[in-house]
All heavy atoms as atom14 arrays in JSON, in Angstrom:
{
  "sequence": "LVLQSYGEEGAYTSADQELLQFVSTQVATAIERKQIHEHLRQMAQ",
  "atom14_mask": [
    [1, 1, 1, 1, 1, 1, 1, 1, 0, 0, 0, 0, 0, 0],
    [1, 1, 1, 1, 1, 1, 1, 0, 0, 0, 0, 0, 0, 0],
    [1, 1, 1, 1, 1, 1, 1, 1, 0, 0, 0, 0, 0, 0],
    [1, 1, 1, 1, 1, 1, 1, 1, 1, 0, 0, 0, 0, 0],
    [1, 1, 1, 1, 1, 1, 0, 0, 0, 0, 0, 0, 0, 0],
    [1, 1, 1, 1, 1, 1, 1, 1, 1, 1, 1, 1, 0, 0],
    [1, 1, 1, 1, 0, 0, 0, 0, 0, 0, 0, 0, 0, 0],
    [1, 1, 1, 1, 1, 1, 1, 1, 1, 0, 0, 0, 0, 0],
    [1, 1, 1, 1, 1, 1, 1, 1, 1, 0, 0, 0, 0, 0],
    [1, 1, 1, 1, 0, 0, 0, 0, 0, 0, 0, 0, 0, 0],
    [1, 1, 1, 1, 1, 0, 0, 0, 0, 0, 0, 0, 0, 0],
    [1, 1, 1, 1, 1, 1, 1, 1, 1, 1, 1, 1, 0, 0],
    [1, 1, 1, 1, 1, 1, 1, 0, 0, 0, 0, 0, 0, 0],
    [1, 1, 1, 1, 1, 1, 0, 0, 0, 0, 0, 0, 0, 0],
    [1, 1, 1, 1, 1, 0, 0, 0, 0, 0, 0, 0, 0, 0],
    [1, 1, 1, 1, 1, 1, 1, 1, 0, 0, 0, 0, 0, 0],
    [1, 1, 1, 1, 1, 1, 1, 1, 1, 0, 0, 0, 0, 0],
    [1, 1, 1, 1, 1, 1, 1, 1, 1, 0, 0, 0, 0, 0],
    [1, 1, 1, 1, 1, 1, 1, 1, 0, 0, 0, 0, 0, 0],
    [1, 1, 1, 1, 1, 1, 1, 1, 0, 0, 0, 0, 0, 0],
    [1, 1, 1, 1, 1, 1, 1, 1, 1, 0, 0, 0, 0, 0],
    [1, 1, 1, 1, 1, 1, 1, 1, 1, 1, 1, 0, 0, 0],
    [1, 1, 1, 1, 1, 1, 1, 0, 0, 0, 0, 0, 0, 0],
    [1, 1, 1, 1, 1, 1, 0, 0, 0, 0, 0, 0, 0, 0],
    [1, 1, 1, 1, 1, 1, 1, 0, 0, 0, 0, 0, 0, 0],
    [1, 1, 1, 1, 1, 1, 1, 1, 1, 0, 0, 0, 0, 0],
    [1, 1, 1, 1, 1, 1, 1, 0, 0, 0, 0, 0, 0, 0],
    [1, 1, 1, 1, 1, 0, 0, 0, 0, 0, 0, 0, 0, 0],
    [1, 1, 1, 1, 1, 1, 1, 0, 0, 0, 0, 0, 0, 0],
    [1, 1, 1, 1, 1, 0, 0, 0, 0, 0, 0, 0, 0, 0],
    [1, 1, 1, 1, 1, 1, 1, 1, 0, 0, 0, 0, 0, 0],
    [1, 1, 1, 1, 1, 1, 1, 1, 1, 0, 0, 0, 0, 0],
    [1, 1, 1, 1, 1, 1, 1, 1, 1, 1, 1, 0, 0, 0],
    [1, 1, 1, 1, 1, 1, 1, 1, 1, 0, 0, 0, 0, 0],
    [1, 1, 1, 1, 1, 1, 1, 1, 1, 0, 0, 0, 0, 0],
    [1, 1, 1, 1, 1, 1, 1, 1, 0, 0, 0, 0, 0, 0],
    [1, 1, 1, 1, 1, 1, 1, 1, 1, 1, 0, 0, 0, 0],
    [1, 1, 1, 1, 1, 1, 1, 1, 1, 0, 0, 0, 0, 0],
    [1, 1, 1, 1, 1, 1, 1, 1, 1, 1, 0, 0, 0, 0],
    [1, 1, 1, 1, 1, 1, 1, 1, 0, 0, 0, 0, 0, 0],
    [1, 1, 1, 1, 1, 1, 1, 1, 1, 1, 1, 0, 0, 0],
    [1, 1, 1, 1, 1, 1, 1, 1, 1, 0, 0, 0, 0, 0],
    [1, 1, 1, 1, 1, 1, 1, 1, 0, 0, 0, 0, 0, 0],
    [1, 1, 1, 1, 1, 0, 0, 0, 0, 0, 0, 0, 0, 0],
    [1, 1, 1, 1, 1, 1, 1, 1, 1, 0, 0, 0, 0, 0]
  ],
  "atom14_positions": [
    [[-5.13, 1.71, 1.15], [-4.44, 2.48, 0.11], [-5.5, 3.3, -0.63], [-6.56, 2.76, -0.97], [-3.74, 1.57, -0.9], [-2.53, 0.75, -0.45], [-1.99, -0.04, -1.62], [-1.46, 1.65, 0.13], [0.0, 0.0, 0.0], [0.0, 0.0, 0.0], [0.0, 0.0, 0.0], [0.0, 0.0, 0.0], [0.0, 0.0, 0.0], [0.0, 0.0, 0.0]],
    [[-5.21, 4.57, -0.88], [-6.19, 5.44, -1.53], [-5.55, 6.19, -2.7], [-4.47, 6.77, -2.56], [-6.78, 6.45, -0.53], [-7.72, 7.43, -1.25], [-7.54, 5.73, 0.59], [0.0, 0.0, 0.0], [0.0, 0.0, 0.0], [0.0, 0.0, 0.0], [0.0, 0.0, 0.0], [0.0, 0.0, 0.0], [0.0, 0.0, 0.0], [0.0, 0.0, 0.0]],
    [[-6.23, 6.17, -3.85], [-5.85, 6.97, -5.01], [-6.99, 7.94, -5.32], [-8.17, 7.57, -5.22], [-5.61, 6.09, -6.23], [-4.42, 5.12, -6.18], [-4.42, 4.23, -7.41], [-3.11, 5.87, -6.08], [0.0, 0.0, 0.0], [0.0, 0.0, 0.0], [0.0, 0.0, 0.0], [0.0, 0.0, 0.0], [0.0, 0.0, 0.0], [0.0, 0.0, 0.0]],
    [[-6.64, 9.18, -5.68], [-7.65, 10.16, -6.04], [-7.23, 10.87, -7.32], [-6.03, 11.07, -7.56], [-7.83, 11.2, -4.93], [-8.28, 10.61, -3.6], [-8.55, 11.67, -2.56], [-9.48, 12.46, -2.67], [-7.73, 11.69, -1.53], [0.0, 0.0, 0.0], [0.0, 0.0, 0.0], [0.0, 0.0, 0.0], [0.0, 0.0, 0.0], [0.0, 0.0, 0.0]],
    [[-8.22, 11.26, -8.11], [-7.93, 12.01, -9.34], [-8.97, 13.12, -9.49], [-10.17, 12.89, -9.3], [-7.96, 11.09, -10.55], [-7.8, 11.84, -11.74], [0.0, 0.0, 0.0], [0.0, 0.0, 0.0], [0.0, 0.0, 0.0], [0.0, 0.0, 0.0], [0.0, 0.0, 0.0], [0.0, 0.0, 0.0], [0.0, 0.0, 0.0], [0.0, 0.0, 0.0]],
    [[-8.49, 14.31, -9.85], [-9.38, 15.45, -10.02], [-9.75, 15.68, -11.48], [-10.5, 16.61, -11.78], [-8.73, 16.71, -9.43], [-8.5, 16.59, -7.94], [-7.29, 16.13, -7.43], [-9.5, 16.92, -7.04], [-7.09, 15.99, -6.07], [-9.32, 16.78, -5.67], [-8.1, 16.32, -5.19], [-7.9, 16.19, -3.84], [0.0, 0.0, 0.0], [0.0, 0.0, 0.0]],
    [[-9.23, 14.86, -12.38], [-9.53, 14.99, -13.8], [-9.64, 13.63, -14.45], [-9.59, 12.59, -13.79], [0.0, 0.0, 0.0], [0.0, 0.0, 0.0], [0.0, 0.0, 0.0], [0.0, 0.0, 0.0], [0.0, 0.0, 0.0], [0.0, 0.0, 0.0], [0.0, 0.0, 0.0], [0.0, 0.0, 0.0], [0.0, 0.0, 0.0], [0.0, 0.0, 0.0]],
    [[-9.78, 13.63, -15.75], [-9.99, 12.39, -16.49], [-8.7, 11.6, -16.7], [-8.74, 10.46, -17.14], [-10.62, 12.7, -17.85], [-12.04, 13.26, -17.76], [-12.98, 12.32, -17.03], [-12.89, 11.09, -17.25], [-13.79, 12.81, -16.22], [0.0, 0.0, 0.0], [0.0, 0.0, 0.0], [0.0, 0.0, 0.0], [0.0, 0.0, 0.0], [0.0, 0.0, 0.0]],
    [[-7.54, 12.21, -16.38], [-6.28, 11.47, -16.57], [-6.2, 10.27, -15.64], [-5.49, 9.31, -15.9], [-5.08, 12.4, -16.37], [-4.79, 12.78, -14.92], [-5.72, 13.84, -14.36], [-6.51, 14.39, -15.15], [-5.68, 14.1, -13.15], [0.0, 0.0, 0.0], [0.0, 0.0, 0.0], [0.0, 0.0, 0.0], [0.0, 0.0, 0.0], [0.0, 0.0, 0.0]],
    [[-6.92, 10.34, -14.54], [-6.96, 9.22, -13.61], [-8.37, 8.66, -13.5], [-8.91, 8.53, -12.4], [0.0, 0.0, 0.0], [0.0, 0.0, 0.0], [0.0, 0.0, 0.0], [0.0, 0.0, 0.0], [0.0, 0.0, 0.0], [0.0, 0.0, 0.0], [0.0, 0.0, 0.0], [0.0, 0.0, 0.0], [0.0, 0.0, 0.0], [0.0, 0.0, 0.0]],
    [[-8.98, 8.37, -14.63], [-10.35, 7.83, -14.65], [-10.3, 6.35, -14.26], [-10.28, 5.46, -15.12], [-10.97, 8.02, -16.04], [0.0, 0.0, 0.0], [0.0, 0.0, 0.0], [0.0, 0.0, 0.0], [0.0, 0.0, 0.0], [0.0, 0.0, 0.0], [0.0, 0.0, 0.0], [0.0, 0.0, 0.0], [0.0, 0.0, 0.0], [0.0, 0.0, 0.0]],
    [[-10.26, 6.1, -12.96], [-10.07, 4.74, -12.47], [-11.26, 3.85, -12.83], [-12.41, 4.28, -12.81], [-9.85, 4.75, -10.96], [-8.64, 5.55, -10.55], [-8.77, 6.65, -9.69], [-7.38, 5.25, -11.05], [-7.66, 7.4, -9.32], [-6.28, 6.0, -10.69], [-6.42, 7.08, -9.82], [-5.33, 7.83, -9.48], [0.0, 0.0, 0.0], [0.0, 0.0, 0.0]],
    [[-10.94, 2.61, -13.15], [-11.94, 1.62, -13.56], [-11.88, 0.42, -12.63], [-11.03, 0.32, -11.75], [-11.68, 1.16, -15.0], [-10.41, 0.46, -15.03], [-11.62, 2.35, -15.95], [0.0, 0.0, 0.0], [0.0, 0.0, 0.0], [0.0, 0.0, 0.0], [0.0, 0.0, 0.0], [0.0, 0.0, 0.0], [0.0, 0.0, 0.0], [0.0, 0.0, 0.0]],
    [[-12.79, -0.53, -12.87], [-12.79, -1.76, -12.08], [-11.49, -2.55, -12.31], [-11.03, -3.27, -11.41], [-13.99, -2.62, -12.45], [-14.0, -2.9, -13.85], [0.0, 0.0, 0.0], [0.0, 0.0, 0.0], [0.0, 0.0, 0.0], [0.0, 0.0, 0.0], [0.0, 0.0, 0.0], [0.0, 0.0, 0.0], [0.0, 0.0, 0.0], [0.0, 0.0, 0.0]],
    [[-10.88, -2.39, -13.5], [-9.6, -3.06, -13.76], [-8.51, -2.46, -12.87], [-7.65, -3.2, -12.35], [-9.23, -2.92, -15.23], [0.0, 0.0, 0.0], [0.0, 0.0, 0.0], [0.0, 0.0, 0.0], [0.0, 0.0, 0.0], [0.0, 0.0, 0.0], [0.0, 0.0, 0.0], [0.0, 0.0, 0.0], [0.0, 0.0, 0.0], [0.0, 0.0, 0.0]],
    [[-8.53, -1.14, -12.69], [-7.56, -0.5, -11.79], [-7.79, -0.95, -10.35], [-6.84, -1.17, -9.6], [-7.69, 1.03, -11.87], [-7.32, 1.57, -13.24], [-6.3, 1.12, -13.79], [-8.06, 2.42, -13.74], [0.0, 0.0, 0.0], [0.0, 0.0, 0.0], [0.0, 0.0, 0.0], [0.0, 0.0, 0.0], [0.0, 0.0, 0.0], [0.0, 0.0, 0.0]],
    [[-9.05, -1.07, -9.98], [-9.37, -1.55, -8.63], [-8.82, -2.94, -8.4], [-8.23, -3.23, -7.36], [-10.89, -1.54, -8.44], [-11.35, -2.14, -7.11], [-12.87, -2.19, -7.02], [-13.55, -1.18, -7.19], [-13.4, -3.37, -6.74], [0.0, 0.0, 0.0], [0.0, 0.0, 0.0], [0.0, 0.0, 0.0], [0.0, 0.0, 0.0], [0.0, 0.0, 0.0]],
    [[-9.03, -3.81, -9.38], [-8.53, -5.19, -9.27], [-7.0, -5.22, -9.16], [-6.44, -5.95, -8.34], [-8.99, -5.99, -10.48], [-8.56, -7.45, -10.45], [-9.0, -8.19, -11.7], [-9.8, -7.64, -12.48], [-8.52, -9.33, -11.92], [0.0, 0.0, 0.0], [0.0, 0.0, 0.0], [0.0, 0.0, 0.0], [0.0, 0.0, 0.0], [0.0, 0.0, 0.0]],
    [[-6.35, -4.38, -9.96], [-4.89, -4.34, -9.94], [-4.36, -3.83, -8.6], [-3.46, -4.41, -8.0], [-4.4, -3.45, -11.09], [-2.9, -3.39, -11.38], [-2.67, -3.1, -12.85], [-2.2, -2.35, -10.54], [0.0, 0.0, 0.0], [0.0, 0.0, 0.0], [0.0, 0.0, 0.0], [0.0, 0.0, 0.0], [0.0, 0.0, 0.0], [0.0, 0.0, 0.0]],
    [[-4.96, -2.71, -8.11], [-4.5, -2.14, -6.83], [-4.76, -3.1, -5.68], [-3.94, -3.22, -4.76], [-5.21, -0.81, -6.58], [-4.69, 0.02, -5.42], [-3.24, 0.44, -5.64], [-5.55, 1.26, -5.18], [0.0, 0.0, 0.0], [0.0, 0.0, 0.0], [0.0, 0.0, 0.0], [0.0, 0.0, 0.0], [0.0, 0.0, 0.0], [0.0, 0.0, 0.0]],
    [[-5.88, -3.81, -5.74], [-6.19, -4.78, -4.69], [-5.19, -5.93, -4.71], [-4.78, -6.43, -3.65], [-7.61, -5.3, -4.9], [-8.19, -6.02, -3.7], [-9.68, -6.26, -3.86], [-10.26, -5.98, -4.91], [-10.31, -6.79, -2.82], [0.0, 0.0, 0.0], [0.0, 0.0, 0.0], [0.0, 0.0, 0.0], [0.0, 0.0, 0.0], [0.0, 0.0, 0.0]],
    [[-4.78, -6.34, -5.9], [-3.78, -7.4, -6.02], [-2.45, -6.97, -5.41], [-1.82, -7.72, -4.65], [-3.61, -7.77, -7.49], [-2.63, -8.87, -7.74], [-2.94, -10.19, -7.47], [-1.37, -8.59, -8.25], [-2.03, -11.21, -7.7], [-0.45, -9.61, -8.49], [-0.78, -10.92, -8.21], [0.0, 0.0, 0.0], [0.0, 0.0, 0.0], [0.0, 0.0, 0.0]],
    [[-2.03, -5.74, -5.7], [-0.77, -5.23, -5.19], [-0.83, -4.98, -3.68], [0.16, -5.11, -2.97], [-0.4, -3.93, -5.94], [0.8, -3.24, -5.29], [-0.09, -4.23, -7.4], [0.0, 0.0, 0.0], [0.0, 0.0, 0.0], [0.0, 0.0, 0.0], [0.0, 0.0, 0.0], [0.0, 0.0, 0.0], [0.0, 0.0, 0.0], [0.0, 0.0, 0.0]],
    [[-2.02, -4.63, -3.17], [-2.15, -4.22, -1.76], [-1.75, -5.32, -0.78], [-1.29, -5.03, 0.32], [-3.59, -3.77, -1.48], [-4.49, -4.87, -1.54], [0.0, 0.0, 0.0], [0.0, 0.0, 0.0], [0.0, 0.0, 0.0], [0.0, 0.0, 0.0], [0.0, 0.0, 0.0], [0.0, 0.0, 0.0], [0.0, 0.0, 0.0], [0.0, 0.0, 0.0]],
    [[-1.93, -6.56, -1.17], [-1.54, -7.67, -0.28], [-0.04, -7.64, -0.01], [0.41, -7.79, 1.13], [-1.94, -9.02, -0.89], [-3.35, -9.02, -1.13], [-1.58, -10.16, 0.05], [0.0, 0.0, 0.0], [0.0, 0.0, 0.0], [0.0, 0.0, 0.0], [0.0, 0.0, 0.0], [0.0, 0.0, 0.0], [0.0, 0.0, 0.0], [0.0, 0.0, 0.0]],
    [[0.74, -7.42, -1.06], [2.19, -7.33, -0.9], [2.56, -6.07, -0.13], [3.49, -6.09, 0.68], [2.87, -7.32, -2.27], [4.38, -7.39, -2.24], [4.88, -8.77, -1.85], [4.11, -9.72, -1.82], [6.15, -8.89, -1.53], [0.0, 0.0, 0.0], [0.0, 0.0, 0.0], [0.0, 0.0, 0.0], [0.0, 0.0, 0.0], [0.0, 0.0, 0.0]],
    [[1.83, -4.98, -0.35], [2.09, -3.74, 0.38], [1.85, -3.94, 1.87], [2.65, -3.51, 2.7], [1.2, -2.6, -0.16], [1.33, -1.35, 0.72], [1.57, -2.26, -1.59], [0.0, 0.0, 0.0], [0.0, 0.0, 0.0], [0.0, 0.0, 0.0], [0.0, 0.0, 0.0], [0.0, 0.0, 0.0], [0.0, 0.0, 0.0], [0.0, 0.0, 0.0]],
    [[0.75, -4.6, 2.22], [0.45, -4.86, 3.63], [1.54, -5.69, 4.29], [1.95, -5.42, 5.43], [-0.91, -5.57, 3.75], [0.0, 0.0, 0.0], [0.0, 0.0, 0.0], [0.0, 0.0, 0.0], [0.0, 0.0, 0.0], [0.0, 0.0, 0.0], [0.0, 0.0, 0.0], [0.0, 0.0, 0.0], [0.0, 0.0, 0.0], [0.0, 0.0, 0.0]],
    [[2.01, -6.7, 3.58], [3.1, -7.54, 4.1], [4.36, -6.71, 4.32], [5.04, -6.84, 5.34], [3.39, -8.69, 3.13], [2.22, -9.49, 2.97], [4.52, -9.57, 3.65], [0.0, 0.0, 0.0], [0.0, 0.0, 0.0], [0.0, 0.0, 0.0], [0.0, 0.0, 0.0], [0.0, 0.0, 0.0], [0.0, 0.0, 0.0], [0.0, 0.0, 0.0]],
    [[4.67, -5.84, 3.36], [5.86, -4.98, 3.47], [5.74, -4.03, 4.65], [6.7, -3.8, 5.39], [6.06, -4.19, 2.18], [0.0, 0.0, 0.0], [0.0, 0.0, 0.0], [0.0, 0.0, 0.0], [0.0, 0.0, 0.0], [0.0, 0.0, 0.0], [0.0, 0.0, 0.0], [0.0, 0.0, 0.0], [0.0, 0.0, 0.0], [0.0, 0.0, 0.0]],
    [[4.55, -3.46, 4.85], [4.34, -2.52, 5.97], [4.52, -3.24, 7.3], [5.2, -2.74, 8.21], [2.94, -1.89, 5.88], [2.87, -0.92, 4.69], [2.6, -1.14, 7.17], [1.48, -0.39, 4.42], [0.0, 0.0, 0.0], [0.0, 0.0, 0.0], [0.0, 0.0, 0.0], [0.0, 0.0, 0.0], [0.0, 0.0, 0.0], [0.0, 0.0, 0.0]],
    [[3.91, -4.41, 7.44], [4.04, -5.14, 8.7], [5.49, -5.54, 8.97], [5.97, -5.46, 10.1], [3.14, -6.38, 8.68], [1.68, -6.06, 8.93], [0.92, -7.24, 9.49], [1.24, -8.39, 9.11], [0.02, -7.03, 10.33], [0.0, 0.0, 0.0], [0.0, 0.0, 0.0], [0.0, 0.0, 0.0], [0.0, 0.0, 0.0], [0.0, 0.0, 0.0]],
    [[6.2, -5.95, 7.91], [7.6, -6.33, 8.08], [8.41, -5.12, 8.55], [9.25, -5.23, 9.44], [8.14, -6.87, 6.76], [9.61, -7.33, 6.86], [10.09, -7.85, 5.51], [9.38, -9.03, 5.1], [8.84, -9.21, 3.91], [8.92, -8.25, 3.01], [8.22, -10.32, 3.61], [0.0, 0.0, 0.0], [0.0, 0.0, 0.0], [0.0, 0.0, 0.0]],
    [[8.15, -3.97, 7.94], [8.88, -2.76, 8.32], [8.51, -2.31, 9.73], [9.37, -1.86, 10.49], [8.6, -1.64, 7.31], [9.41, -0.37, 7.53], [10.9, -0.62, 7.42], [11.33, -0.98, 6.03], [12.8, -1.14, 5.91], [0.0, 0.0, 0.0], [0.0, 0.0, 0.0], [0.0, 0.0, 0.0], [0.0, 0.0, 0.0], [0.0, 0.0, 0.0]],
    [[7.24, -2.46, 10.11], [6.83, -2.09, 11.46], [7.51, -2.98, 12.5], [7.94, -2.48, 13.55], [5.3, -2.21, 11.59], [4.53, -1.1, 10.89], [3.03, -1.31, 10.96], [2.55, -2.45, 10.94], [2.28, -0.22, 11.01], [0.0, 0.0, 0.0], [0.0, 0.0, 0.0], [0.0, 0.0, 0.0], [0.0, 0.0, 0.0], [0.0, 0.0, 0.0]],
    [[7.61, -4.26, 12.21], [8.3, -5.17, 13.13], [9.78, -4.79, 13.24], [10.35, -4.75, 14.34], [8.15, -6.63, 12.66], [6.7, -7.09, 12.8], [9.08, -7.56, 13.44], [6.41, -8.43, 12.16], [0.0, 0.0, 0.0], [0.0, 0.0, 0.0], [0.0, 0.0, 0.0], [0.0, 0.0, 0.0], [0.0, 0.0, 0.0], [0.0, 0.0, 0.0]],
    [[10.39, -4.49, 12.09], [11.8, -4.08, 12.08], [11.99, -2.79, 12.89], [12.94, -2.68, 13.67], [12.26, -3.88, 10.64], [13.67, -3.37, 10.54], [14.77, -4.18, 10.71], [14.16, -2.12, 10.29], [15.87, -3.46, 10.57], [15.52, -2.21, 10.32], [0.0, 0.0, 0.0], [0.0, 0.0, 0.0], [0.0, 0.0, 0.0], [0.0, 0.0, 0.0]],
    [[11.07, -1.84, 12.69], [11.17, -0.57, 13.43], [11.03, -0.81, 14.92], [11.73, -0.19, 15.74], [10.08, 0.39, 12.95], [10.27, 0.92, 11.55], [11.2, 2.12, 11.53], [10.82, 3.17, 12.06], [12.31, 1.98, 11.01], [0.0, 0.0, 0.0], [0.0, 0.0, 0.0], [0.0, 0.0, 0.0], [0.0, 0.0, 0.0], [0.0, 0.0, 0.0]],
    [[10.11, -1.71, 15.3], [9.91, -2.0, 16.72], [11.15, -2.65, 17.33], [11.57, -2.29, 18.43], [8.69, -2.92, 16.88], [8.4, -3.28, 18.31], [8.01, -2.36, 19.26], [8.46, -4.48, 18.95], [7.83, -2.96, 20.42], [8.1, -4.25, 20.26], [0.0, 0.0, 0.0], [0.0, 0.0, 0.0], [0.0, 0.0, 0.0], [0.0, 0.0, 0.0]],
    [[11.73, -3.6, 16.6], [12.93, -4.26, 17.1], [14.1, -3.28, 17.2], [14.88, -3.32, 18.17], [13.31, -5.43, 16.19], [12.33, -6.61, 16.19], [12.75, -7.64, 15.15], [12.25, -7.25, 17.58], [0.0, 0.0, 0.0], [0.0, 0.0, 0.0], [0.0, 0.0, 0.0], [0.0, 0.0, 0.0], [0.0, 0.0, 0.0], [0.0, 0.0, 0.0]],
    [[14.21, -2.4, 16.2], [15.27, -1.39, 16.25], [15.07, -0.45, 17.44], [16.02, -0.08, 18.13], [15.28, -0.59, 14.95], [16.42, 0.42, 14.84], [16.3, 1.25, 13.59], [15.15, 2.13, 13.64], [15.17, 3.33, 14.23], [16.26, 3.77, 14.82], [14.08, 4.08, 14.25], [0.0, 0.0, 0.0], [0.0, 0.0, 0.0], [0.0, 0.0, 0.0]],
    [[13.81, -0.07, 17.67], [13.5, 0.81, 18.8], [13.88, 0.13, 20.11], [14.47, 0.76, 21.0], [12.0, 1.13, 18.78], [11.55, 2.16, 19.81], [11.86, 3.58, 19.39], [12.15, 3.82, 18.23], [11.82, 4.51, 20.31], [0.0, 0.0, 0.0], [0.0, 0.0, 0.0], [0.0, 0.0, 0.0], [0.0, 0.0, 0.0], [0.0, 0.0, 0.0]],
    [[13.56, -1.16, 20.23], [13.88, -1.88, 21.46], [15.39, -2.0, 21.64], [15.9, -1.94, 22.77], [13.25, -3.28, 21.42], [11.74, -3.29, 21.51], [11.07, -4.95, 21.37], [11.82, -5.76, 22.78], [0.0, 0.0, 0.0], [0.0, 0.0, 0.0], [0.0, 0.0, 0.0], [0.0, 0.0, 0.0], [0.0, 0.0, 0.0], [0.0, 0.0, 0.0]],
    [[16.12, -2.18, 20.52], [17.56, -2.38, 20.61], [18.33, -1.09, 20.86], [19.39, -1.11, 21.48], [18.07, -3.04, 19.33], [0.0, 0.0, 0.0], [0.0, 0.0, 0.0], [0.0, 0.0, 0.0], [0.0, 0.0, 0.0], [0.0, 0.0, 0.0], [0.0, 0.0, 0.0], [0.0, 0.0, 0.0], [0.0, 0.0, 0.0], [0.0, 0.0, 0.0]],
    [[17.8, 0.04, 20.4], [18.57, 1.27, 20.43], [18.01, 2.34, 21.37], [18.7, 3.32, 21.65], [18.65, 1.85, 19.01], [19.35, 0.93, 18.03], [19.47, 1.54, 16.65], [18.93, 2.61, 16.38], [20.19, 0.87, 15.76], [0.0, 0.0, 0.0], [0.0, 0.0, 0.0], [0.0, 0.0, 0.0], [0.0, 0.0, 0.0], [0.0, 0.0, 0.0]]
  ]
}
């Protein structure tokens, strides 16, 4: 997962890094679940 900011409104800190890293585990699980679902749908249809 990547976030970028061209100004100070998104002055990311180590706290933001920790938060995004915490959320990323759930995101990875969601992506894999959706990929499996897509694969099964592809096989079925």
